Amino acid sequence: MENMENETGAIRLQAQRSQYREHSVPLYLTSSFMFEDAEQARAVFAEEEQGQVYSRYGNPNVDELLQKMCFLEKAEDGFAFASGMGAIFGTLGALLQSGDHVLACRSVFGSTHQLLTNVFPKWGITHTYADASKPEEWESLITPATKLILIETPSNPGLELIDLEWLGELKRKYNLLLVVDNCFATPVLQTPTDFGADLVLHSATKYIDGQGRVLGGVTVGPKELIAKIRFFARHTGPAMSPFNAWVLSKSLETLQLRVEKHCENALKLAEALEGNPALEKVNYPFLPSFPQYDLARKQMRQGGGIVTLEVKGGYDAAKRFIDNLQMASITSNLGDTRTIVTHPASTTHSKLKEEERAATGITPGLVRVSVGLESINDIIADVKQALERVS
């Protein structure tokens, strides 16, 4: 069927059915695959013929997930990793060499920061952070050694946005690769390839799964770049399991519905909390008070499922707020059907230095709320009663 909408493709794109004509694709829990004869084995290994070889290389369940993700992100090819960080490491590790330089947005996930500052320098790969709020400085930070630009938009956890159209023009001017972590927005809310992104990354553990069950990571992009990533990943081993791929492919069937509801609930929560006396501020991209509201409306279809709250009184007050919640879960994940609260400064971004957290807006009183799919009335009531008990 040609010209399918995203929600149709996420449901109807499917691995080839077996002789049993199953309606739902089965699990292919096998480590390896058989060949008809020795010549076919030779031809498949020589890549003269298509075929499954070994589940570290590929698997029908993984292939189906990638077919859907490429469709949703408008990409040619992809590779599925065991986790989101596997996708980031595998992508950068495949494309960078000693002497290369990465220009990254300052607001990156804590483990991405650790890769850039403590892992890649061992191999002679350097980086520079750029502030999303100062686009005029980005061009001056590009050097002859700069190979790629790495960004998150919206960022974790500060929800900073980066103008993808502008960045696409910048990367073309200097012939750089643009790598976008699209985990917070998902392909439901924005399509980075429309603006010139070469590669799009996901921690599929978050909204792609959406129910806190499995880990996974995905990188999609042009065939020639994915070929390099596939070679690196096949021989270093961070492949996604068939079971996780099967779960994630099923999850994509409800992605559109879930993300739209996450966004609806998040906006209502943000609106209900603006002006709350226990809060310094409420951050949400589709609130008119959000500093980058116009940019959010320009490149995102809705505002996402994350709201951040700046609790008056710093860490002690934020801790009291979290401890007084009665329904929301306290955990480090996000994108779940359940509402989740996280204190980034003491958990996900605790390994950053205090000045590094301050530079990305991670204050002691910042609380990240991943707004779930419960009744919005119950979510608001839980958050409000906890805020009332802060003082």
Protein backbone atom coordinates (compact mmCIF):
# COMPACT_ATOMS: atom_id res chain seq x y z
CA MET A 1 0.00 0.00 0.00
CA GLU A 2 1.54 3.29 -1.12
CA ASN A 3 1.50 6.62 0.73
CA MET A 4 0.54 5.18 4.11
CA GLU A 5 0.21 7.54 7.06
CA ASN A 6 2.61 6.95 9.95
CA GLU A 7 0.07 5.29 12.24
CA THR A 8 -0.89 2.86 9.44
CA GLY A 9 2.71 1.93 8.68
CA ALA A 10 3.49 1.36 12.35
CA ILE A 11 0.72 -1.24 12.42
CA ARG A 12 0.75 -2.80 8.96
CA LEU A 13 4.45 -3.06 8.07
CA GLN A 14 5.28 -6.62 9.03
CA ALA A 15 7.86 -9.36 8.61
CA GLN A 16 7.07 -11.93 5.94
CA ARG A 17 4.55 -14.48 7.17
CA SER A 18 5.53 -18.10 7.52
CA GLN A 19 3.65 -21.04 6.03
CA TYR A 20 1.31 -20.87 9.02
CA ARG A 21 -0.07 -17.47 7.89
CA GLU A 22 0.04 -16.01 11.38
CA HIS A 23 -1.71 -12.67 11.91
CA SER A 24 0.72 -11.56 14.60
CA VAL A 25 4.41 -12.02 13.81
CA PRO A 26 5.92 -14.80 15.94
CA LEU A 27 9.08 -14.59 18.01
CA TYR A 28 12.19 -15.85 16.23
CA LEU A 29 14.14 -17.04 19.26
CA THR A 30 17.08 -18.60 17.48
CA SER A 31 20.78 -17.82 17.64
CA SER A 32 21.45 -18.81 14.02
CA PHE A 33 19.76 -19.65 10.72
CA MET A 34 20.20 -22.56 8.31
CA PHE A 35 21.23 -22.55 4.66
CA GLU A 36 19.97 -24.76 1.86
CA ASP A 37 23.50 -25.79 0.91
CA ALA A 38 27.15 -24.80 1.20
CA GLU A 39 26.94 -22.50 -1.81
CA GLN A 40 24.09 -20.51 -0.31
CA ALA A 41 26.04 -20.16 2.94
CA ARG A 42 29.02 -18.82 0.98
CA ALA A 43 26.86 -16.41 -1.02
CA VAL A 44 25.09 -15.01 2.04
CA PHE A 45 28.35 -14.50 3.95
CA ALA A 46 29.83 -12.85 0.85
CA GLU A 47 26.74 -10.57 0.75
CA GLU A 48 25.98 -11.70 -2.77
CA GLU A 49 22.61 -12.97 -1.56
CA GLN A 50 20.23 -11.70 1.11
CA GLY A 51 19.58 -13.97 4.05
CA GLN A 52 19.60 -14.35 7.81
CA VAL A 53 22.85 -15.59 9.34
CA TYR A 54 23.09 -15.05 13.08
CA SER A 55 20.94 -13.05 15.49
CA ARG A 56 23.86 -10.79 16.43
CA TYR A 57 23.84 -9.75 12.75
CA GLY A 58 20.10 -9.65 12.18
CA ASN A 59 16.82 -11.37 12.93
CA PRO A 60 13.31 -11.20 11.42
CA ASN A 61 11.95 -9.51 14.56
CA VAL A 62 14.72 -6.92 14.53
CA ASP A 63 14.28 -6.37 10.80
CA GLU A 64 10.57 -5.68 11.26
CA LEU A 65 11.25 -3.11 13.99
CA LEU A 66 13.82 -1.37 11.80
CA GLN A 67 11.49 -1.35 8.81
CA LYS A 68 8.92 0.50 10.90
CA MET A 69 11.42 2.93 12.44
CA CYS A 70 12.88 3.80 9.04
CA PHE A 71 9.37 4.42 7.73
CA LEU A 72 8.48 6.69 10.65
CA GLU A 73 11.75 8.65 10.54
CA LYS A 74 11.97 8.82 6.72
CA ALA A 75 15.28 6.97 6.63
CA GLU A 76 16.76 4.35 4.31
CA ASP A 77 18.27 1.89 6.77
CA GLY A 78 18.96 1.29 10.43
CA PHE A 79 20.53 -0.82 13.16
CA ALA A 80 18.96 -1.87 16.45
CA PHE A 81 21.03 -1.89 19.64
CA ALA A 82 20.62 -3.44 23.07
CA SER A 83 20.05 0.00 24.64
CA GLY A 84 19.85 3.69 23.83
CA MET A 85 23.42 4.23 25.00
CA GLY A 86 24.46 1.32 22.82
CA ALA A 87 23.03 3.27 19.88
CA ILE A 88 24.93 6.43 20.80
CA PHE A 89 28.22 4.64 21.42
CA GLY A 90 27.85 2.39 18.38
CA THR A 91 27.00 5.30 16.09
CA LEU A 92 29.80 7.60 17.24
CA GLY A 93 32.30 4.75 17.57
CA ALA A 94 31.63 3.68 13.99
CA LEU A 95 31.94 7.14 12.45
CA LEU A 96 34.71 8.82 14.46
CA GLN A 97 38.46 8.34 14.31
CA SER A 98 41.36 9.54 16.40
CA GLY A 99 41.78 13.27 15.82
CA ASP A 100 38.11 13.92 15.09
CA HIS A 101 36.13 16.57 16.93
CA VAL A 102 32.45 16.55 17.95
CA LEU A 103 30.37 19.69 18.40
CA ALA A 104 27.58 18.86 20.83
CA CYS A 105 24.79 20.74 22.53
CA ARG A 106 25.64 21.33 26.18
CA SER A 107 22.41 19.73 27.36
CA VAL A 108 22.98 16.03 26.75
CA PHE A 109 22.03 12.96 28.73
CA GLY A 110 24.39 12.17 31.62
CA SER A 111 25.80 8.99 30.06
CA THR A 112 26.34 10.75 26.72
CA HIS A 113 28.33 13.36 28.64
CA GLN A 114 30.43 10.58 30.17
CA LEU A 115 31.17 9.14 26.72
CA LEU A 116 32.27 12.51 25.38
CA THR A 117 34.35 13.50 28.39
CA ASN A 118 35.77 10.23 29.75
CA VAL A 119 35.62 7.53 27.07
CA PHE A 120 36.26 8.99 23.62
CA PRO A 121 39.23 11.14 24.74
CA LYS A 122 41.12 7.87 25.38
CA TRP A 123 41.02 7.37 21.61
CA GLY A 124 41.95 10.93 20.70
CA ILE A 125 38.40 12.10 19.98
CA THR A 126 37.59 15.55 21.36
CA HIS A 127 34.42 17.58 21.79
CA THR A 128 33.17 21.08 22.46
CA TYR A 129 29.84 21.96 24.00
CA ALA A 130 27.69 24.71 22.51
CA ASP A 131 24.82 26.49 24.25
CA ALA A 132 21.43 26.05 22.63
CA SER A 133 20.57 29.59 23.72
CA LYS A 134 23.55 31.06 21.83
CA PRO A 135 23.28 29.89 18.21
CA GLU A 136 25.55 32.73 17.10
CA GLU A 137 28.48 30.97 18.82
CA TRP A 138 28.12 27.55 17.19
CA GLU A 139 29.85 28.41 13.92
CA SER A 140 32.90 29.77 15.75
CA LEU A 141 33.32 26.43 17.55
CA ILE A 142 33.66 24.42 14.33
CA THR A 143 37.28 23.44 13.62
CA PRO A 144 38.98 21.66 10.69
CA ALA A 145 38.78 18.48 12.81
CA THR A 146 35.02 18.72 13.41
CA LYS A 147 33.33 15.63 11.99
CA LEU A 148 29.78 15.76 13.33
CA ILE A 149 27.24 17.69 15.34
CA LEU A 150 25.39 15.81 18.09
CA ILE A 151 22.24 17.22 19.65
CA GLU A 152 19.17 16.41 21.71
CA THR A 153 16.04 18.44 21.12
CA PRO A 154 14.14 18.71 23.39
CA SER A 155 17.04 18.10 25.77
CA ASN A 156 17.09 15.86 28.82
CA PRO A 157 16.06 17.14 31.30
CA GLY A 158 16.01 20.88 30.63
CA LEU A 159 13.74 20.75 27.54
CA GLU A 160 16.01 23.14 25.65
CA LEU A 161 15.21 23.24 21.93
CA ILE A 162 17.58 23.69 19.01
CA ASP A 163 16.40 25.10 15.70
CA LEU A 164 16.72 22.11 13.37
CA GLU A 165 16.26 24.15 10.21
CA TRP A 166 19.11 26.49 11.16
CA LEU A 167 21.32 23.60 12.22
CA GLY A 168 20.65 21.78 8.96
CA GLU A 169 21.93 24.81 7.07
CA LEU A 170 25.02 25.02 9.30
CA LYS A 171 25.95 21.35 8.82
CA ARG A 172 25.55 21.66 5.04
CA LYS A 173 27.76 24.77 4.97
CA TYR A 174 30.62 22.88 6.64
CA ASN A 175 29.85 19.41 5.22
CA LEU A 176 29.34 17.89 8.67
CA LEU A 177 27.19 15.01 9.84
CA LEU A 178 24.17 15.98 11.92
CA VAL A 179 23.12 13.38 14.50
CA VAL A 180 19.86 14.01 16.37
CA ASP A 181 18.70 12.19 19.49
CA ASN A 182 14.93 12.20 18.93
CA CYS A 183 14.05 10.24 22.08
CA PHE A 184 11.94 12.92 23.79
CA ALA A 185 9.96 13.95 20.72
CA THR A 186 9.62 10.59 18.91
CA PRO A 187 8.74 10.55 15.20
CA VAL A 188 5.18 11.42 16.20
CA LEU A 189 6.18 14.97 17.18
CA GLN A 190 9.08 15.86 14.89
CA THR A 191 11.00 14.46 11.92
CA PRO A 192 14.64 15.60 12.05
CA THR A 193 15.39 14.25 8.56
CA ASP A 194 12.99 16.85 7.17
CA PHE A 195 15.47 19.49 8.38
CA GLY A 196 18.65 17.82 7.18
CA ALA A 197 19.58 15.40 9.96
CA ASP A 198 21.75 12.56 8.67
CA LEU A 199 21.19 10.15 11.52
CA VAL A 200 18.38 9.89 14.08
CA LEU A 201 18.87 8.07 17.37
CA HIS A 202 16.40 6.69 19.90
CA SER A 203 16.50 5.15 23.30
CA ALA A 204 13.64 2.83 22.43
CA THR A 205 13.44 2.04 26.15
CA LYS A 206 11.44 5.25 26.56
CA TYR A 207 8.41 6.21 24.44
CA ILE A 208 8.96 3.58 21.76
CA ASP A 209 8.30 0.85 24.34
CA GLY A 210 6.17 3.11 26.49
CA GLN A 211 5.45 0.61 29.24
CA GLY A 212 8.76 0.22 31.07
CA ARG A 213 9.36 -3.36 29.93
CA VAL A 214 12.47 -3.68 27.76
CA LEU A 215 15.67 -1.90 26.77
CA GLY A 216 16.56 -0.95 23.23
CA GLY A 217 18.22 1.60 20.97
CA VAL A 218 17.86 2.43 17.30
CA THR A 219 19.89 4.44 14.79
CA VAL A 220 18.46 5.18 11.33
CA GLY A 221 19.83 7.08 8.36
CA PRO A 222 21.35 6.72 4.87
CA LYS A 223 22.47 3.28 3.74
CA GLU A 224 26.14 4.27 3.41
CA LEU A 225 26.35 5.52 7.00
CA ILE A 226 24.34 2.64 8.45
CA ALA A 227 26.68 0.22 6.65
CA LYS A 228 29.57 1.60 8.71
CA ILE A 229 27.52 1.43 11.90
CA ARG A 230 26.37 -2.11 11.12
CA PHE A 231 29.96 -3.29 10.54
CA PHE A 232 31.08 -1.75 13.86
CA ALA A 233 28.10 -3.09 15.81
CA ARG A 234 28.17 -6.59 14.33
CA HIS A 235 31.75 -7.06 15.43
CA THR A 236 31.48 -5.38 18.84
CA GLY A 237 28.22 -7.09 19.75
CA PRO A 238 25.68 -4.57 21.16
CA ALA A 239 22.81 -6.07 19.15
CA MET A 240 19.17 -5.99 20.22
CA SER A 241 17.59 -9.29 21.25
CA PRO A 242 14.77 -10.74 19.11
CA PHE A 243 12.41 -10.67 22.10
CA ASN A 244 12.98 -6.98 22.77
CA ALA A 245 12.57 -6.19 19.08
CA TRP A 246 9.26 -8.10 19.02
CA VAL A 247 7.99 -6.14 22.05
CA LEU A 248 9.10 -2.81 20.58
CA SER A 249 7.58 -3.51 17.17
CA LYS A 250 4.27 -4.25 18.88
CA SER A 251 4.64 -1.06 20.93
CA LEU A 252 4.92 1.02 17.77
CA GLU A 253 1.36 0.03 16.89
CA THR A 254 0.11 2.30 19.71
CA LEU A 255 2.85 4.96 19.60
CA GLN A 256 0.72 7.63 17.92
CA LEU A 257 -2.16 7.22 20.37
CA ARG A 258 0.09 7.09 23.40
CA VAL A 259 2.25 10.10 22.52
CA GLU A 260 -0.76 12.25 21.66
CA LYS A 261 -2.29 11.44 25.06
CA HIS A 262 1.03 12.03 26.86
CA CYS A 263 1.15 15.47 25.25
CA GLU A 264 -2.46 16.27 26.09
CA ASN A 265 -1.94 15.33 29.75
CA ALA A 266 1.42 17.13 29.98
CA LEU A 267 -0.02 20.39 28.66
CA LYS A 268 -2.94 20.23 31.07
CA LEU A 269 -0.60 19.53 34.00
CA ALA A 270 1.70 22.40 33.03
CA GLU A 271 -1.24 24.80 32.72
CA ALA A 272 -2.66 23.68 36.08
CA LEU A 273 0.68 24.28 37.85
CA GLU A 274 1.63 27.67 36.41
CA GLY A 275 1.60 30.19 39.21
CA ASN A 276 1.66 27.56 41.96
CA PRO A 277 3.21 29.27 45.02
CA ALA A 278 5.51 26.30 45.70
CA LEU A 279 7.15 26.60 42.28
CA GLU A 280 9.67 29.02 40.83
CA LYS A 281 8.56 28.05 37.33
CA VAL A 282 7.02 25.40 35.13
CA ASN A 283 8.74 24.40 31.88
CA TYR A 284 6.83 22.90 28.97
CA PRO A 285 7.49 23.63 25.27
CA PHE A 286 3.86 24.38 24.37
CA LEU A 287 3.26 26.79 27.26
CA PRO A 288 3.25 30.37 25.92
CA SER A 289 5.57 31.28 28.83
CA PHE A 290 8.23 28.82 27.62
CA PRO A 291 11.27 30.80 26.36
CA GLN A 292 11.37 28.89 23.06
CA TYR A 293 7.62 28.61 22.56
CA ASP A 294 7.71 29.93 18.97
CA LEU A 295 10.45 27.46 17.99
CA ALA A 296 8.52 24.61 19.63
CA ARG A 297 5.44 25.45 17.56
CA LYS A 298 7.59 25.70 14.43
CA GLN A 299 9.26 22.27 14.55
CA MET A 300 7.15 20.14 16.90
CA ARG A 301 3.59 18.94 16.32
CA GLN A 302 2.84 18.86 20.08
CA GLY A 303 4.85 19.70 23.17
CA GLY A 304 5.90 16.24 24.35
CA GLY A 305 5.24 14.28 27.51
CA ILE A 306 7.82 15.88 29.85
CA VAL A 307 7.17 18.76 32.23
CA THR A 308 9.89 20.12 34.51
CA LEU A 309 9.16 21.84 37.79
CA GLU A 310 11.48 24.22 39.62
CA VAL A 311 10.55 23.72 43.28
CA LYS A 312 11.19 26.66 45.60
CA GLY A 313 13.66 25.77 48.34
CA GLY A 314 16.16 23.71 46.33
CA TYR A 315 16.98 20.06 46.91
CA ASP A 316 15.38 19.69 50.33
CA ALA A 317 12.09 21.06 49.05
CA ALA A 318 12.28 18.96 45.86
CA LYS A 319 12.91 15.87 47.99
CA ARG A 320 9.89 16.62 50.20
CA PHE A 321 7.74 17.10 47.12
CA ILE A 322 8.84 13.78 45.63
CA ASP A 323 8.44 11.90 48.91
CA ASN A 324 4.89 13.23 49.36
CA LEU A 325 3.64 11.97 46.00
CA GLN A 326 1.09 9.22 46.46
CA MET A 327 0.60 7.88 42.93
CA ALA A 328 3.56 8.90 40.75
CA SER A 329 6.51 6.51 40.53
CA ILE A 330 10.00 7.51 41.64
CA THR A 331 12.34 6.01 39.08
CA SER A 332 14.89 7.08 36.47
CA ASN A 333 12.95 5.97 33.39
CA LEU A 334 10.58 8.10 31.32
CA GLY A 335 8.02 7.73 28.55
CA ASP A 336 6.02 5.17 30.52
CA THR A 337 2.25 4.80 30.76
CA ARG A 338 2.78 5.57 34.46
CA THR A 339 3.62 9.09 35.62
CA ILE A 340 7.24 9.18 36.77
CA VAL A 341 9.19 11.78 38.75
CA THR A 342 12.97 12.09 38.78
CA HIS A 343 15.37 14.45 40.53
CA PRO A 344 18.11 14.80 37.87
CA ALA A 345 20.71 16.57 40.03
CA SER A 346 20.90 13.66 42.47
CA THR A 347 20.28 10.77 40.05
CA THR A 348 20.55 10.78 36.24
CA HIS A 349 22.92 13.78 36.10
CA SER A 350 24.58 13.37 39.50
CA LYS A 351 27.97 12.50 37.97
CA LEU A 352 28.21 15.94 36.38
CA LYS A 353 30.08 18.63 38.27
CA GLU A 354 27.91 21.25 39.94
CA GLU A 355 28.99 23.91 37.44
CA GLU A 356 28.22 21.56 34.54
CA ARG A 357 24.71 20.98 35.87
CA ALA A 358 24.21 24.71 36.37
CA ALA A 359 25.26 25.38 32.78
CA THR A 360 22.47 23.11 31.52
CA GLY A 361 19.78 24.43 33.85
CA ILE A 362 19.81 21.45 36.20
CA THR A 363 19.28 23.18 39.51
CA PRO A 364 18.93 21.51 42.92
CA GLY A 365 15.18 22.17 42.85
CA LEU A 366 14.51 20.82 39.35
CA VAL A 367 12.14 17.85 39.13
CA ARG A 368 11.45 16.05 35.84
CA VAL A 369 7.90 14.77 35.46
CA SER A 370 7.26 12.20 32.76
CA VAL A 371 3.51 12.59 32.48
CA GLY A 372 1.72 9.28 32.11
CA LEU A 373 -1.60 8.10 30.75
CA GLU A 374 -3.55 8.02 34.01
CA SER A 375 -6.56 10.33 34.37
CA ILE A 376 -5.23 13.87 34.18
CA ASN A 377 -7.42 14.77 37.14
CA ASP A 378 -5.63 12.20 39.27
CA ILE A 379 -2.19 13.33 38.06
CA ILE A 380 -2.92 16.97 38.86
CA ALA A 381 -4.40 16.09 42.25
CA ASP A 382 -1.35 14.02 43.21
CA VAL A 383 1.15 16.70 42.19
CA LYS A 384 -0.79 19.52 43.84
CA GLN A 385 -1.23 17.73 47.17
CA ALA A 386 2.51 16.97 47.24
CA LEU A 387 3.37 20.62 46.52
CA GLU A 388 1.06 21.77 49.31
CA ARG A 389 3.09 19.69 51.74
CA VAL A 390 6.50 21.02 50.68
CA SER A 391 6.67 23.94 53.13
